[in-house]
Amino acid sequence: MGRTPRNRPKHLGRKLLRIRQRLGMSQTEMTKALGLKVHYSAVSNFELGTREPDLIVVLKYARLAKVPMETLVDDKMKLP
């Protein structure tokens, strides 16, 4: 059985970048704050939209920013 493609949030990368900038963190610091065991370039790829973060990573961004996760994945919603 085939998989149905889902719509990817178009503004997720920009929102993740804004969160990091608002927190005053470098990409390396954000990688550590998210508890990622990957190279800091993963954060760059999330922000550029070349790689989509796993759901748990989006949840961690939302918690750091103190916003509902829906705010990050719904293109109609803006960061407060």
PDB file of N, CA and C in Angstrom:
ATOM      1  N   MET A   1       0.840  -1.175   0.000  1.00  0.00           N
ATOM      2  CA  MET A   1       0.000   0.000   0.000  1.00  0.00           C
ATOM      3  C   MET A   1       0.888   1.241   0.000  1.00  0.00           C
ATOM      4  N   GLY A   2       0.581   2.205  -0.855  1.00  0.00           N
ATOM      5  CA  GLY A   2       1.394   3.411  -0.993  1.00  0.00           C
ATOM      6  C   GLY A   2       1.144   4.412   0.116  1.00  0.00           C
ATOM      7  N   ARG A   3       2.086   5.291   0.244  1.00  0.00           N
ATOM      8  CA  ARG A   3       1.967   6.349   1.249  1.00  0.00           C
ATOM      9  C   ARG A   3       1.392   7.590   0.592  1.00  0.00           C
ATOM     10  N   THR A   4       0.518   8.248   1.289  1.00  0.00           N
ATOM     11  CA  THR A   4      -0.041   9.501   0.813  1.00  0.00           C
ATOM     12  C   THR A   4       0.892  10.628   1.235  1.00  0.00           C
ATOM     13  N   PRO A   5       1.357  11.425   0.273  1.00  0.00           N
ATOM     14  CA  PRO A   5       2.242  12.531   0.662  1.00  0.00           C
ATOM     15  C   PRO A   5       1.484  13.546   1.517  1.00  0.00           C
ATOM     16  N   ARG A   6       2.173  14.116   2.472  1.00  0.00           N
ATOM     17  CA  ARG A   6       1.546  15.122   3.323  1.00  0.00           C
ATOM     18  C   ARG A   6       2.119  16.489   2.979  1.00  0.00           C
ATOM     19  N   ASN A   7       1.369  17.484   3.305  1.00  0.00           N
ATOM     20  CA  ASN A   7       1.839  18.849   3.079  1.00  0.00           C
ATOM     21  C   ASN A   7       2.895  19.189   4.119  1.00  0.00           C
ATOM     22  N   ARG A   8       4.016  19.712   3.643  1.00  0.00           N
ATOM     23  CA  ARG A   8       5.084  20.147   4.547  1.00  0.00           C
ATOM     24  C   ARG A   8       4.872  21.620   4.873  1.00  0.00           C
ATOM     25  N   PRO A   9       5.079  22.000   6.124  1.00  0.00           N
ATOM     26  CA  PRO A   9       4.957  23.421   6.473  1.00  0.00           C
ATOM     27  C   PRO A   9       5.994  24.242   5.707  1.00  0.00           C
ATOM     28  N   LYS A  10       5.536  25.264   5.021  1.00  0.00           N
ATOM     29  CA  LYS A  10       6.436  26.088   4.204  1.00  0.00           C
ATOM     30  C   LYS A  10       7.263  27.058   5.040  1.00  0.00           C
ATOM     31  N   HIS A  11       6.734  27.459   6.184  1.00  0.00           N
ATOM     32  CA  HIS A  11       7.393  28.490   6.993  1.00  0.00           C
ATOM     33  C   HIS A  11       8.108  27.929   8.219  1.00  0.00           C
ATOM     34  N   LEU A  12       8.156  26.618   8.342  1.00  0.00           N
ATOM     35  CA  LEU A  12       8.764  26.010   9.524  1.00  0.00           C
ATOM     36  C   LEU A  12      10.217  26.446   9.698  1.00  0.00           C
ATOM     37  N   GLY A  13      11.000  26.389   8.650  1.00  0.00           N
ATOM     38  CA  GLY A  13      12.416  26.754   8.739  1.00  0.00           C
ATOM     39  C   GLY A  13      12.623  28.171   9.236  1.00  0.00           C
ATOM     40  N   ARG A  14      11.840  29.103   8.690  1.00  0.00           N
ATOM     41  CA  ARG A  14      11.960  30.506   9.118  1.00  0.00           C
ATOM     42  C   ARG A  14      11.574  30.672  10.583  1.00  0.00           C
ATOM     43  N   LYS A  15      10.554  29.933  10.996  1.00  0.00           N
ATOM     44  CA  LYS A  15      10.129  30.013  12.396  1.00  0.00           C
ATOM     45  C   LYS A  15      11.210  29.463  13.325  1.00  0.00           C
ATOM     46  N   LEU A  16      11.843  28.370  12.919  1.00  0.00           N
ATOM     47  CA  LEU A  16      12.904  27.790  13.745  1.00  0.00           C
ATOM     48  C   LEU A  16      14.087  28.744  13.852  1.00  0.00           C
ATOM     49  N   LEU A  17      14.408  29.415  12.757  1.00  0.00           N
ATOM     50  CA  LEU A  17      15.482  30.413  12.767  1.00  0.00           C
ATOM     51  C   LEU A  17      15.136  31.551  13.725  1.00  0.00           C
ATOM     52  N   ARG A  18      13.907  32.045  13.649  1.00  0.00           N
ATOM     53  CA  ARG A  18      13.489  33.148  14.524  1.00  0.00           C
ATOM     54  C   ARG A  18      13.550  32.751  15.994  1.00  0.00           C
ATOM     55  N   ILE A  19      13.167  31.513  16.283  1.00  0.00           N
ATOM     56  CA  ILE A  19      13.234  31.045  17.674  1.00  0.00           C
ATOM     57  C   ILE A  19      14.677  31.074  18.162  1.00  0.00           C
ATOM     58  N   ARG A  20      15.577  30.525  17.364  1.00  0.00           N
ATOM     59  CA  ARG A  20      16.994  30.489  17.767  1.00  0.00           C
ATOM     60  C   ARG A  20      17.537  31.895  17.961  1.00  0.00           C
ATOM     61  N   GLN A  21      17.198  32.793  17.032  1.00  0.00           N
ATOM     62  CA  GLN A  21      17.684  34.171  17.135  1.00  0.00           C
ATOM     63  C   GLN A  21      17.111  34.868  18.369  1.00  0.00           C
ATOM     64  N   ARG A  22      15.833  34.661  18.642  1.00  0.00           N
ATOM     65  CA  ARG A  22      15.216  35.273  19.821  1.00  0.00           C
ATOM     66  C   ARG A  22      15.846  34.778  21.116  1.00  0.00           C
ATOM     67  N   LEU A  23      16.259  33.511  21.104  1.00  0.00           N
ATOM     68  CA  LEU A  23      16.907  32.949  22.288  1.00  0.00           C
ATOM     69  C   LEU A  23      18.376  33.345  22.374  1.00  0.00           C
ATOM     70  N   GLY A  24      18.882  33.998  21.326  1.00  0.00           N
ATOM     71  CA  GLY A  24      20.268  34.454  21.309  1.00  0.00           C
ATOM     72  C   GLY A  24      21.274  33.319  21.269  1.00  0.00           C
ATOM     73  N   MET A  25      20.916  32.248  20.578  1.00  0.00           N
ATOM     74  CA  MET A  25      21.786  31.068  20.527  1.00  0.00           C
ATOM     75  C   MET A  25      22.445  30.909  19.169  1.00  0.00           C
ATOM     76  N   SER A  26      23.641  30.344  19.202  1.00  0.00           N
ATOM     77  CA  SER A  26      24.297  29.928  17.959  1.00  0.00           C
ATOM     78  C   SER A  26      23.676  28.591  17.549  1.00  0.00           C
ATOM     79  N   GLN A  27      23.999  28.137  16.354  1.00  0.00           N
ATOM     80  CA  GLN A  27      23.490  26.838  15.912  1.00  0.00           C
ATOM     81  C   GLN A  27      24.036  25.716  16.796  1.00  0.00           C
ATOM     82  N   THR A  28      25.277  25.848  17.213  1.00  0.00           N
ATOM     83  CA  THR A  28      25.872  24.845  18.103  1.00  0.00           C
ATOM     84  C   THR A  28      25.142  24.819  19.443  1.00  0.00           C
ATOM     85  N   GLU A  29      24.855  25.999  19.992  1.00  0.00           N
ATOM     86  CA  GLU A  29      24.133  26.073  21.264  1.00  0.00           C
ATOM     87  C   GLU A  29      22.727  25.501  21.133  1.00  0.00           C
ATOM     88  N   MET A  30      22.068  25.770  20.003  1.00  0.00           N
ATOM     89  CA  MET A  30      20.720  25.247  19.786  1.00  0.00           C
ATOM     90  C   MET A  30      20.749  23.725  19.681  1.00  0.00           C
ATOM     91  N   THR A  31      21.757  23.198  19.009  1.00  0.00           N
ATOM     92  CA  THR A  31      21.897  21.745  18.898  1.00  0.00           C
ATOM     93  C   THR A  31      21.966  21.120  20.288  1.00  0.00           C
ATOM     94  N   LYS A  32      22.749  21.735  21.168  1.00  0.00           N
ATOM     95  CA  LYS A  32      22.878  21.227  22.540  1.00  0.00           C
ATOM     96  C   LYS A  32      21.578  21.405  23.317  1.00  0.00           C
ATOM     97  N   ALA A  33      20.923  22.556  23.173  1.00  0.00           N
ATOM     98  CA  ALA A  33      19.675  22.825  23.892  1.00  0.00           C
ATOM     99  C   ALA A  33      18.577  21.843  23.484  1.00  0.00           C
ATOM    100  N   LEU A  34      18.604  21.421  22.225  1.00  0.00           N
ATOM    101  CA  LEU A  34      17.616  20.466  21.726  1.00  0.00           C
ATOM    102  C   LEU A  34      17.974  19.027  22.098  1.00  0.00           C
ATOM    103  N   GLY A  35      19.192  18.839  22.599  1.00  0.00           N
ATOM    104  CA  GLY A  35      19.629  17.497  22.959  1.00  0.00           C
ATOM    105  C   GLY A  35      19.936  16.625  21.756  1.00  0.00           C
ATOM    106  N   LEU A  36      20.303  17.272  20.640  1.00  0.00           N
ATOM    107  CA  LEU A  36      20.603  16.521  19.425  1.00  0.00           C
ATOM    108  C   LEU A  36      22.029  16.001  19.467  1.00  0.00           C
ATOM    109  N   LYS A  37      22.196  14.800  19.020  1.00  0.00           N
ATOM    110  CA  LYS A  37      23.532  14.205  18.953  1.00  0.00           C
ATOM    111  C   LYS A  37      23.971  14.169  17.493  1.00  0.00           C
ATOM    112  N   VAL A  38      23.865  15.319  16.854  1.00  0.00           N
ATOM    113  CA  VAL A  38      24.244  15.471  15.450  1.00  0.00           C
ATOM    114  C   VAL A  38      25.095  16.727  15.319  1.00  0.00           C
ATOM    115  N   HIS A  39      25.659  16.923  14.162  1.00  0.00           N
ATOM    116  CA  HIS A  39      26.450  18.115  13.874  1.00  0.00           C
ATOM    117  C   HIS A  39      25.525  19.333  13.865  1.00  0.00           C
ATOM    118  N   TYR A  40      26.049  20.470  14.268  1.00  0.00           N
ATOM    119  CA  TYR A  40      25.230  21.690  14.313  1.00  0.00           C
ATOM    120  C   TYR A  40      24.648  22.049  12.953  1.00  0.00           C
ATOM    121  N   SER A  41      25.220  21.531  11.877  1.00  0.00           N
ATOM    122  CA  SER A  41      24.696  21.838  10.540  1.00  0.00           C
ATOM    123  C   SER A  41      23.276  21.311  10.363  1.00  0.00           C
ATOM    124  N   ALA A  42      22.855  20.369  11.208  1.00  0.00           N
ATOM    125  CA  ALA A  42      21.472  19.892  11.141  1.00  0.00           C
ATOM    126  C   ALA A  42      20.516  21.047  11.420  1.00  0.00           C
ATOM    127  N   VAL A  43      20.862  21.895  12.392  1.00  0.00           N
ATOM    128  CA  VAL A  43      20.030  23.060  12.709  1.00  0.00           C
ATOM    129  C   VAL A  43      19.984  23.996  11.507  1.00  0.00           C
ATOM    130  N   SER A  44      21.108  24.195  10.853  1.00  0.00           N
ATOM    131  CA  SER A  44      21.153  25.021   9.649  1.00  0.00           C
ATOM    132  C   SER A  44      20.228  24.454   8.581  1.00  0.00           C
ATOM    133  N   ASN A  45      20.267  23.149   8.398  1.00  0.00           N
ATOM    134  CA  ASN A  45      19.410  22.510   7.397  1.00  0.00           C
ATOM    135  C   ASN A  45      17.934  22.644   7.747  1.00  0.00           C
ATOM    136  N   PHE A  46      17.590  22.577   9.036  1.00  0.00           N
ATOM    137  CA  PHE A  46      16.199  22.793   9.451  1.00  0.00           C
ATOM    138  C   PHE A  46      15.771  24.212   9.095  1.00  0.00           C
ATOM    139  N   GLU A  47      16.639  25.178   9.409  1.00  0.00           N
ATOM    140  CA  GLU A  47      16.310  26.590   9.190  1.00  0.00           C
ATOM    141  C   GLU A  47      16.205  26.931   7.709  1.00  0.00           C
ATOM    142  N   LEU A  48      17.022  26.289   6.897  1.00  0.00           N
ATOM    143  CA  LEU A  48      16.993  26.536   5.449  1.00  0.00           C
ATOM    144  C   LEU A  48      15.873  25.775   4.753  1.00  0.00           C
ATOM    145  N   GLY A  49      15.280  24.825   5.459  1.00  0.00           N
ATOM    146  CA  GLY A  49      14.214  24.028   4.868  1.00  0.00           C
ATOM    147  C   GLY A  49      14.710  22.898   3.983  1.00  0.00           C
ATOM    148  N   THR A  50      16.007  22.610   4.039  1.00  0.00           N
ATOM    149  CA  THR A  50      16.543  21.519   3.224  1.00  0.00           C
ATOM    150  C   THR A  50      16.383  20.172   3.918  1.00  0.00           C
ATOM    151  N   ARG A  51      16.087  20.215   5.197  1.00  0.00           N
ATOM    152  CA  ARG A  51      15.842  18.988   5.957  1.00  0.00           C
ATOM    153  C   ARG A  51      14.715  19.269   6.933  1.00  0.00           C
ATOM    154  N   GLU A  52      13.773  18.346   7.019  1.00  0.00           N
ATOM    155  CA  GLU A  52      12.654  18.518   7.939  1.00  0.00           C
ATOM    156  C   GLU A  52      12.978  17.828   9.263  1.00  0.00           C
ATOM    157  N   PRO A  53      12.841  18.545  10.374  1.00  0.00           N
ATOM    158  CA  PRO A  53      13.149  17.928  11.666  1.00  0.00           C
ATOM    159  C   PRO A  53      12.107  16.874  12.036  1.00  0.00           C
ATOM    160  N   ASP A  54      12.535  15.900  12.830  1.00  0.00           N
ATOM    161  CA  ASP A  54      11.606  14.906  13.359  1.00  0.00           C
ATOM    162  C   ASP A  54      10.598  15.608  14.260  1.00  0.00           C
ATOM    163  N   LEU A  55       9.481  14.960  14.466  1.00  0.00           N
ATOM    164  CA  LEU A  55       8.415  15.518  15.294  1.00  0.00           C
ATOM    165  C   LEU A  55       8.909  15.866  16.699  1.00  0.00           C
ATOM    166  N   ILE A  56       9.724  15.012  17.283  1.00  0.00           N
ATOM    167  CA  ILE A  56      10.231  15.268  18.638  1.00  0.00           C
ATOM    168  C   ILE A  56      11.103  16.522  18.671  1.00  0.00           C
ATOM    169  N   VAL A  57      11.816  16.794  17.590  1.00  0.00           N
ATOM    170  CA  VAL A  57      12.654  17.997  17.521  1.00  0.00           C
ATOM    171  C   VAL A  57      11.769  19.241  17.447  1.00  0.00           C
ATOM    172  N   VAL A  58      10.700  19.172  16.663  1.00  0.00           N
ATOM    173  CA  VAL A  58       9.761  20.299  16.578  1.00  0.00           C
ATOM    174  C   VAL A  58       9.147  20.553  17.953  1.00  0.00           C
ATOM    175  N   LEU A  59       8.813  19.487  18.654  1.00  0.00           N
ATOM    176  CA  LEU A  59       8.261  19.625  20.001  1.00  0.00           C
ATOM    177  C   LEU A  59       9.257  20.306  20.937  1.00  0.00           C
ATOM    178  N   LYS A  60      10.528  19.938  20.836  1.00  0.00           N
ATOM    179  CA  LYS A  60      11.558  20.557  21.681  1.00  0.00           C
ATOM    180  C   LYS A  60      11.726  22.042  21.360  1.00  0.00           C
ATOM    181  N   TYR A  61      11.680  22.402  20.071  1.00  0.00           N
ATOM    182  CA  TYR A  61      11.729  23.821  19.688  1.00  0.00           C
ATOM    183  C   TYR A  61      10.553  24.558  20.322  1.00  0.00           C
ATOM    184  N   ALA A  62       9.361  23.975  20.230  1.00  0.00           N
ATOM    185  CA  ALA A  62       8.164  24.614  20.779  1.00  0.00           C
ATOM    186  C   ALA A  62       8.308  24.827  22.283  1.00  0.00           C
ATOM    187  N   ARG A  63       8.836  23.842  22.965  1.00  0.00           N
ATOM    188  CA  ARG A  63       9.016  23.969  24.419  1.00  0.00           C
ATOM    189  C   ARG A  63      10.029  25.053  24.758  1.00  0.00           C
ATOM    190  N   LEU A  64      11.134  25.106  24.005  1.00  0.00           N
ATOM    191  CA  LEU A  64      12.137  26.152  24.247  1.00  0.00           C
ATOM    192  C   LEU A  64      11.548  27.544  24.027  1.00  0.00           C
ATOM    193  N   ALA A  65      10.706  27.664  22.997  1.00  0.00           N
ATOM    194  CA  ALA A  65      10.112  28.960  22.656  1.00  0.00           C
ATOM    195  C   ALA A  65       8.861  29.264  23.474  1.00  0.00           C
ATOM    196  N   LYS A  66       8.396  28.247  24.218  1.00  0.00           N
ATOM    197  CA  LYS A  66       7.172  28.391  25.021  1.00  0.00           C
ATOM    198  C   LYS A  66       5.969  28.755  24.151  1.00  0.00           C
ATOM    199  N   VAL A  67       5.848  28.024  23.033  1.00  0.00           N
ATOM    200  CA  VAL A  67       4.706  28.195  22.135  1.00  0.00           C
ATOM    201  C   VAL A  67       4.109  26.816  21.855  1.00  0.00           C
ATOM    202  N   PRO A  68       2.817  26.764  21.517  1.00  0.00           N
ATOM    203  CA  PRO A  68       2.238  25.478  21.132  1.00  0.00           C
ATOM    204  C   PRO A  68       2.911  24.962  19.856  1.00  0.00           C
ATOM    205  N   MET A  69       3.103  23.665  19.768  1.00  0.00           N
ATOM    206  CA  MET A  69       3.746  23.085  18.591  1.00  0.00           C
ATOM    207  C   MET A  69       2.975  23.434  17.318  1.00  0.00           C
ATOM    208  N   GLU A  70       1.675  23.547  17.444  1.00  0.00           N
ATOM    209  CA  GLU A  70       0.837  23.889  16.292  1.00  0.00           C
ATOM    210  C   GLU A  70       1.288  25.202  15.648  1.00  0.00           C
ATOM    211  N   THR A  71       1.765  26.131  16.449  1.00  0.00           N
ATOM    212  CA  THR A  71       2.238  27.412  15.933  1.00  0.00           C
ATOM    213  C   THR A  71       3.377  27.219  14.940  1.00  0.00           C
ATOM    214  N   LEU A  72       4.203  26.213  15.162  1.00  0.00           N
ATOM    215  CA  LEU A  72       5.348  25.978  14.288  1.00  0.00           C
ATOM    216  C   LEU A  72       4.951  25.291  12.987  1.00  0.00           C
ATOM    217  N   VAL A  73       3.999  24.381  13.049  1.00  0.00           N
ATOM    218  CA  VAL A  73       3.684  23.576  11.864  1.00  0.00           C
ATOM    219  C   VAL A  73       2.517  24.112  11.043  1.00  0.00           C
ATOM    220  N   ASP A  74       1.765  25.046  11.589  1.00  0.00           N
ATOM    221  CA  ASP A  74       0.643  25.635  10.853  1.00  0.00           C
ATOM    222  C   ASP A  74       1.113  26.934  10.201  1.00  0.00           C
ATOM    223  N   ASP A  75       1.175  26.934   8.875  1.00  0.00           N
ATOM    224  CA  ASP A  75       1.663  28.112   8.152  1.00  0.00           C
ATOM    225  C   ASP A  75       0.781  29.341   8.341  1.00  0.00           C
ATOM    226  N   LYS A  76      -0.454  29.154   8.769  1.00  0.00           N
ATOM    227  CA  LYS A  76      -1.356  30.289   8.962  1.00  0.00           C
ATOM    228  C   LYS A  76      -1.113  30.988  10.300  1.00  0.00           C
ATOM    229  N   MET A  77      -0.395  30.309  11.192  1.00  0.00           N
ATOM    230  CA  MET A  77      -0.134  30.876  12.517  1.00  0.00           C
ATOM    231  C   MET A  77       1.244  31.520  12.551  1.00  0.00           C
ATOM    232  N   LYS A  78       1.332  32.649  13.243  1.00  0.00           N
ATOM    233  CA  LYS A  78       2.606  33.363  13.381  1.00  0.00           C
ATOM    234  C   LYS A  78       3.137  33.183  14.791  1.00  0.00           C
ATOM    235  N   LEU A  79       4.457  33.278  14.900  1.00  0.00           N
ATOM    236  CA  LEU A  79       5.065  33.240  16.231  1.00  0.00           C
ATOM    237  C   LEU A  79       4.651  34.482  17.003  1.00  0.00           C
ATOM    238  N   PRO A  80       4.376  34.327  18.299  1.00  0.00           N
ATOM    239  CA  PRO A  80       4.012  35.513  19.094  1.00  0.00           C
ATOM    240  C   PRO A  80       5.203  36.437  19.281  1.00  0.00           C
TER     241      PRO A  80
END
